[in-house]
C-alpha atoms as a PDB file:
ATOM      1  CA  MET A   1      88.113  73.342 154.011  1.00  0.00           C
ATOM      2  CA  MET A   2      91.170  72.671 156.160  1.00  0.00           C
ATOM      3  CA  PRO A   3      90.976  69.692 158.555  1.00  0.00           C
ATOM      4  CA  ARG A   4      91.079  70.431 162.279  1.00  0.00           C
ATOM      5  CA  LEU A   5      93.627  68.733 164.505  1.00  0.00           C
ATOM      6  CA  LYS A   6      93.200  68.023 168.204  1.00  0.00           C
ATOM      7  CA  PRO A   7      94.888  70.630 170.400  1.00  0.00           C
ATOM      8  CA  LEU A   8      98.138  69.465 171.975  1.00  0.00           C
ATOM      9  CA  ALA A   9      99.733  70.256 175.314  1.00  0.00           C
ATOM     10  CA  GLY A  10     102.502  71.975 173.341  1.00  0.00           C
ATOM     11  CA  LYS A  11     100.090  74.029 171.266  1.00  0.00           C
ATOM     12  CA  ILE A  12     101.509  77.067 169.525  1.00  0.00           C
ATOM     13  CA  ARG A  13      99.713  80.129 170.841  1.00  0.00           C
ATOM     14  CA  ASP A  14      99.165  82.214 167.740  1.00  0.00           C
ATOM     15  CA  ASN A  15      98.631  85.927 167.436  1.00  0.00           C
ATOM     16  CA  ILE A  16      97.466  86.423 163.857  1.00  0.00           C
ATOM     17  CA  GLN A  17      97.080  89.992 162.647  1.00  0.00           C
ATOM     18  CA  ILE A  18      95.576  91.058 159.327  1.00  0.00           C
ATOM     19  CA  GLY A  19      97.570  94.025 158.065  1.00  0.00           C
ATOM     20  CA  SER A  20      96.045  94.385 154.614  1.00  0.00           C
ATOM     21  CA  PRO A  21      92.461  94.451 153.339  1.00  0.00           C
ATOM     22  CA  ALA A  22      93.573  92.187 150.455  1.00  0.00           C
ATOM     23  CA  TRP A  23      93.306  89.214 152.849  1.00  0.00           C
ATOM     24  CA  LYS A  24      89.503  89.701 152.928  1.00  0.00           C
ATOM     25  CA  ALA A  25      89.536  87.770 149.636  1.00  0.00           C
ATOM     26  CA  GLU A  26      90.614  84.679 151.628  1.00  0.00           C
ATOM     27  CA  PRO A  27      88.302  84.432 154.668  1.00  0.00           C
ATOM     28  CA  ALA A  28      89.749  81.026 155.644  1.00  0.00           C
ATOM     29  CA  ALA A  29      93.314  82.380 155.860  1.00  0.00           C
ATOM     30  CA  LYS A  30      93.481  82.566 159.680  1.00  0.00           C
ATOM     31  CA  GLN A  31      92.108  79.049 160.086  1.00  0.00           C
ATOM     32  CA  THR A  32      94.551  77.760 157.458  1.00  0.00           C
ATOM     33  CA  VAL A  33      97.458  79.278 159.377  1.00  0.00           C
ATOM     34  CA  ARG A  34      96.170  77.776 162.658  1.00  0.00           C
ATOM     35  CA  THR A  35      95.779  74.349 161.050  1.00  0.00           C
ATOM     36  CA  ALA A  36      99.334  74.508 159.696  1.00  0.00           C
ATOM     37  CA  LEU A  37     100.665  75.499 163.131  1.00  0.00           C
ATOM     38  CA  ALA A  38      98.764  72.661 164.824  1.00  0.00           C
ATOM     39  CA  ALA A  39     100.242  70.233 162.295  1.00  0.00           C
ATOM     40  CA  ILE A  40     103.749  71.448 163.086  1.00  0.00           C
ATOM     41  CA  ALA A  41     103.162  70.992 166.816  1.00  0.00           C
ATOM     42  CA  ALA A  42     101.664  67.542 166.232  1.00  0.00           C
ATOM     43  CA  THR A  43     104.543  66.477 164.001  1.00  0.00           C
ATOM     44  CA  ILE A  44     107.614  67.676 165.857  1.00  0.00           C
ATOM     45  CA  GLY A  45     106.351  68.375 169.387  1.00  0.00           C
ATOM     46  CA  LEU A  46     106.907  71.846 170.756  1.00  0.00           C
ATOM     47  CA  GLN A  47     106.694  73.807 173.961  1.00  0.00           C
ATOM     48  CA  SER A  48     103.612  75.978 174.346  1.00  0.00           C
ATOM     49  CA  ARG A  49     104.865  79.408 173.280  1.00  0.00           C
ATOM     50  CA  GLU A  50     103.586  82.316 171.239  1.00  0.00           C
ATOM     51  CA  LEU A  51     104.121  82.962 167.549  1.00  0.00           C
ATOM     52  CA  CYS A  52     103.044  86.221 165.927  1.00  0.00           C
ATOM     53  CA  ILE A  53     101.899  86.150 162.314  1.00  0.00           C
ATOM     54  CA  LEU A  54     101.240  89.217 160.181  1.00  0.00           C
ATOM     55  CA  LEU A  55      99.198  88.707 157.002  1.00  0.00           C
ATOM     56  CA  THR A  56     100.125  91.786 155.022  1.00  0.00           C
ATOM     57  CA  ASP A  57     100.788  93.154 151.547  1.00  0.00           C
ATOM     58  CA  ASP A  58     103.735  93.503 149.185  1.00  0.00           C
ATOM     59  CA  GLU A  59     104.443  97.101 150.209  1.00  0.00           C
ATOM     60  CA  THR A  60     104.899  96.201 153.873  1.00  0.00           C
ATOM     61  CA  ILE A  61     106.913  93.048 153.282  1.00  0.00           C
ATOM     62  CA  ARG A  62     109.106  94.876 150.777  1.00  0.00           C
ATOM     63  CA  ALA A  63     109.960  97.491 153.415  1.00  0.00           C
ATOM     64  CA  LEU A  64     110.755  94.762 155.957  1.00  0.00           C
ATOM     65  CA  ASN A  65     112.808  92.820 153.407  1.00  0.00           C
ATOM     66  CA  ARG A  66     114.780  95.986 152.597  1.00  0.00           C
ATOM     67  CA  GLN A  67     115.301  96.853 156.275  1.00  0.00           C
ATOM     68  CA  TRP A  68     116.282  93.405 157.572  1.00  0.00           C
ATOM     69  CA  ARG A  69     117.786  91.620 154.556  1.00  0.00           C
ATOM     70  CA  GLY A  70     118.930  94.487 152.344  1.00  0.00           C
ATOM     71  CA  ILE A  71     116.734  93.234 149.486  1.00  0.00           C
ATOM     72  CA  ASP A  72     114.488  95.919 148.000  1.00  0.00           C
ATOM     73  CA  GLN A  73     111.677  93.729 146.684  1.00  0.00           C
ATOM     74  CA  PRO A  74     108.683  91.903 148.084  1.00  0.00           C
ATOM     75  CA  THR A  75     108.910  88.245 149.035  1.00  0.00           C
ATOM     76  CA  ASN A  76     106.322  85.653 149.988  1.00  0.00           C
ATOM     77  CA  VAL A  77     107.344  85.074 153.633  1.00  0.00           C
ATOM     78  CA  LEU A  78     109.779  86.510 156.145  1.00  0.00           C
ATOM     79  CA  SER A  79     110.665  84.911 159.461  1.00  0.00           C
ATOM     80  CA  PHE A  80     112.070  86.600 162.514  1.00  0.00           C
ATOM     81  CA  PRO A  81     113.164  84.126 165.202  1.00  0.00           C
ATOM     82  CA  ALA A  82     112.974  85.456 168.755  1.00  0.00           C
ATOM     83  CA  ALA A  83     116.274  86.442 170.302  1.00  0.00           C
ATOM     84  CA  VAL A  84     118.009  83.794 172.378  1.00  0.00           C
ATOM     85  CA  THR A  85     117.763  84.875 176.016  1.00  0.00           C
ATOM     86  CA  ALA A  86     117.578  83.210 179.415  1.00  0.00           C
ATOM     87  CA  ALA A  87     113.780  83.365 179.095  1.00  0.00           C
ATOM     88  CA  SER A  88     113.846  81.702 175.668  1.00  0.00           C
ATOM     89  CA  LEU A  89     116.112  78.935 176.917  1.00  0.00           C
ATOM     90  CA  SER A  90     113.609  78.201 179.677  1.00  0.00           C
ATOM     91  CA  GLY A  91     110.750  78.154 177.135  1.00  0.00           C
ATOM     92  CA  ASN A  92     109.091  81.361 178.316  1.00  0.00           C
ATOM     93  CA  SER A  93     109.543  83.547 175.252  1.00  0.00           C
ATOM     94  CA  PRO A  94     107.826  83.665 171.860  1.00  0.00           C
ATOM     95  CA  TYR A  95     109.067  81.626 168.910  1.00  0.00           C
ATOM     96  CA  GLY A  96     109.232  84.800 166.846  1.00  0.00           C
ATOM     97  CA  ASP A  97     107.308  86.424 164.024  1.00  0.00           C
ATOM     98  CA  ILE A  98     106.251  85.427 160.526  1.00  0.00           C
ATOM     99  CA  VAL A  99     105.125  87.889 157.854  1.00  0.00           C
ATOM    100  CA  LEU A 100     103.267  86.753 154.708  1.00  0.00           C
ATOM    101  CA  ALA A 101     102.445  88.947 151.690  1.00  0.00           C
ATOM    102  CA  TYR A 102      99.083  88.473 149.993  1.00  0.00           C
ATOM    103  CA  GLU A 103      99.966  89.750 146.514  1.00  0.00           C
ATOM    104  CA  THR A 104     103.137  87.676 146.220  1.00  0.00           C
ATOM    105  CA  LEU A 105     101.328  84.526 147.358  1.00  0.00           C
ATOM    106  CA  ARG A 106      98.484  85.224 144.920  1.00  0.00           C
ATOM    107  CA  ARG A 107     100.931  85.853 142.057  1.00  0.00           C
ATOM    108  CA  GLU A 108     102.839  82.630 142.790  1.00  0.00           C
ATOM    109  CA  CYS A 109      99.574  80.682 142.847  1.00  0.00           C
ATOM    110  CA  ASP A 110      98.453  82.174 139.546  1.00  0.00           C
ATOM    111  CA  ASP A 111     101.849  81.631 137.897  1.00  0.00           C
ATOM    112  CA  GLU A 112     102.372  78.092 139.218  1.00  0.00           C
ATOM    113  CA  GLY A 113      98.806  76.763 139.293  1.00  0.00           C
ATOM    114  CA  ARG A 114      98.786  76.419 143.090  1.00  0.00           C
ATOM    115  CA  ILE A 115      95.760  76.559 145.372  1.00  0.00           C
ATOM    116  CA  PHE A 116      96.045  79.682 147.521  1.00  0.00           C
ATOM    117  CA  LEU A 117      95.216  78.133 150.911  1.00  0.00           C
ATOM    118  CA  HIS A 118      97.540  75.181 150.248  1.00  0.00           C
ATOM    119  CA  HIS A 119     100.356  77.588 149.411  1.00  0.00           C
ATOM    120  CA  LEU A 120      99.559  79.669 152.511  1.00  0.00           C
ATOM    121  CA  ALA A 121      99.734  76.536 154.688  1.00  0.00           C
ATOM    122  CA  HIS A 122     103.072  75.570 153.131  1.00  0.00           C
ATOM    123  CA  LEU A 123     104.615  79.011 153.591  1.00  0.00           C
ATOM    124  CA  THR A 124     103.346  79.185 157.173  1.00  0.00           C
ATOM    125  CA  ILE A 125     105.114  75.881 157.846  1.00  0.00           C
ATOM    126  CA  HIS A 126     108.216  77.056 155.975  1.00  0.00           C
ATOM    127  CA  GLY A 127     108.335  80.350 157.861  1.00  0.00           C
ATOM    128  CA  PHE A 128     107.808  78.714 161.232  1.00  0.00           C
ATOM    129  CA  LEU A 129     110.559  76.172 160.624  1.00  0.00           C
ATOM    130  CA  HIS A 130     112.902  79.108 160.012  1.00  0.00           C
ATOM    131  CA  THR A 131     112.018  80.458 163.479  1.00  0.00           C
ATOM    132  CA  LEU A 132     113.120  77.078 164.862  1.00  0.00           C
ATOM    133  CA  GLY A 133     116.494  77.344 163.130  1.00  0.00           C
ATOM    134  CA  TYR A 134     115.857  75.278 160.002  1.00  0.00           C
ATOM    135  CA  GLY A 135     117.428  76.632 156.828  1.00  0.00           C
ATOM    136  CA  HIS A 136     118.035  75.890 153.173  1.00  0.00           C
ATOM    137  CA  SER A 137     121.295  77.614 152.312  1.00  0.00           C
ATOM    138  CA  VAL A 138     123.059  74.300 151.692  1.00  0.00           C
ATOM    139  CA  ASP A 139     121.632  71.222 149.971  1.00  0.00           C
ATOM    140  CA  ALA A 140     121.625  68.953 153.029  1.00  0.00           C
ATOM    141  CA  GLU A 141     119.738  71.546 155.104  1.00  0.00           C
ATOM    142  CA  ALA A 142     117.316  72.190 152.263  1.00  0.00           C
ATOM    143  CA  GLU A 143     116.555  68.492 151.873  1.00  0.00           C
ATOM    144  CA  GLU A 144     115.919  68.110 155.606  1.00  0.00           C
ATOM    145  CA  MET A 145     113.656  71.162 155.705  1.00  0.00           C
ATOM    146  CA  GLU A 146     111.743  70.162 152.555  1.00  0.00           C
ATOM    147  CA  ALA A 147     111.201  66.632 153.885  1.00  0.00           C
ATOM    148  CA  LEU A 148     109.774  68.018 157.122  1.00  0.00           C
ATOM    149  CA  GLU A 149     107.557  70.484 155.236  1.00  0.00           C
ATOM    150  CA  SER A 150     106.252  67.605 153.105  1.00  0.00           C
ATOM    151  CA  LYS A 151     105.560  65.456 156.169  1.00  0.00           C
ATOM    152  CA  ILE A 152     103.637  68.266 157.866  1.00  0.00           C
ATOM    153  CA  MET A 153     101.612  69.094 154.739  1.00  0.00           C
ATOM    154  CA  LEU A 154     100.652  65.439 154.297  1.00  0.00           C
ATOM    155  CA  ARG A 155      99.587  65.310 157.955  1.00  0.00           C
ATOM    156  CA  ILE A 156      96.820  67.818 157.143  1.00  0.00           C
ATOM    157  CA  ASN A 157      95.948  66.035 153.906  1.00  0.00           C
ATOM    158  CA  LEU A 158      97.454  68.691 151.658  1.00  0.00           C
ATOM    159  CA  PRO A 159      99.693  67.913 148.698  1.00  0.00           C
ATOM    160  CA  ASP A 160     103.446  67.635 149.075  1.00  0.00           C
ATOM    161  CA  PRO A 161     104.674  71.036 147.833  1.00  0.00           C
ATOM    162  CA  TRP A 162     108.009  69.530 146.799  1.00  0.00           C
ATOM    163  CA  LEU A 163     106.726  66.398 145.019  1.00  0.00           C
ATOM    164  CA  SER A 164     107.522  67.506 141.468  1.00  0.00           C
ATOM    165  CA  ARG A 165     110.967  68.681 142.591  1.00  0.00           C
ATOM    166  CA  HIS A 166     111.623  65.334 144.286  1.00  0.00           C
ATOM    167  CA  LEU A 167     110.459  63.480 141.177  1.00  0.00           C
ATOM    168  CA  ASP A 168     112.793  65.587 139.035  1.00  0.00           C
ATOM    169  CA  ARG A 169     115.710  64.680 141.347  1.00  0.00           C
ATOM    170  CA  GLU A 170     114.836  60.994 141.050  1.00  0.00           C
ATOM    171  CA  LEU A 171     114.723  61.222 137.254  1.00  0.00           C
ATOM    172  CA  VAL A 172     118.118  62.947 137.106  1.00  0.00           C
ATOM    173  CA  ARG A 173     119.660  60.443 139.526  1.00  0.00           C
ATOM    174  CA  ASP A 174     118.252  57.462 137.593  1.00  0.00           C
ATOM    175  CA  ALA A 175     119.328  58.833 134.210  1.00  0.00           C
END
């Protein structure tokens, strides 16, 4: 069970849509996403704006990935930041959209020994940070984003998703 956080003045107003019957296998998925969003708001402080989340399947995310990124394969999460407009600069527009694919998440959990709802929380955080402009295309950005993801996950008493990677870096640096 995911812990509940107190609502904040800057609460993220979520619009979570289930776009695939596969998500019925995880009845706590919506609450997990909401808990992750509350942890983000509690950790970094945000304006109260809307974020749309689509919990879908590999077929849908593959089509979106092909259309928007030119990559013809499914992925675990896609983020679509809202366009920068006068309304967004005044805080009156949505943050954007996040799309998560059930089958890819399930496959990653099975392959890597992850707990599904923990992985869902992490990818929700990861996807939302992308809507805020965080990235990981260069090492310094990746380290900043991973550190923030870890901090947010720990805030909701979930394991640091990057711990083994951080330990590996320490071992290499100390060698």
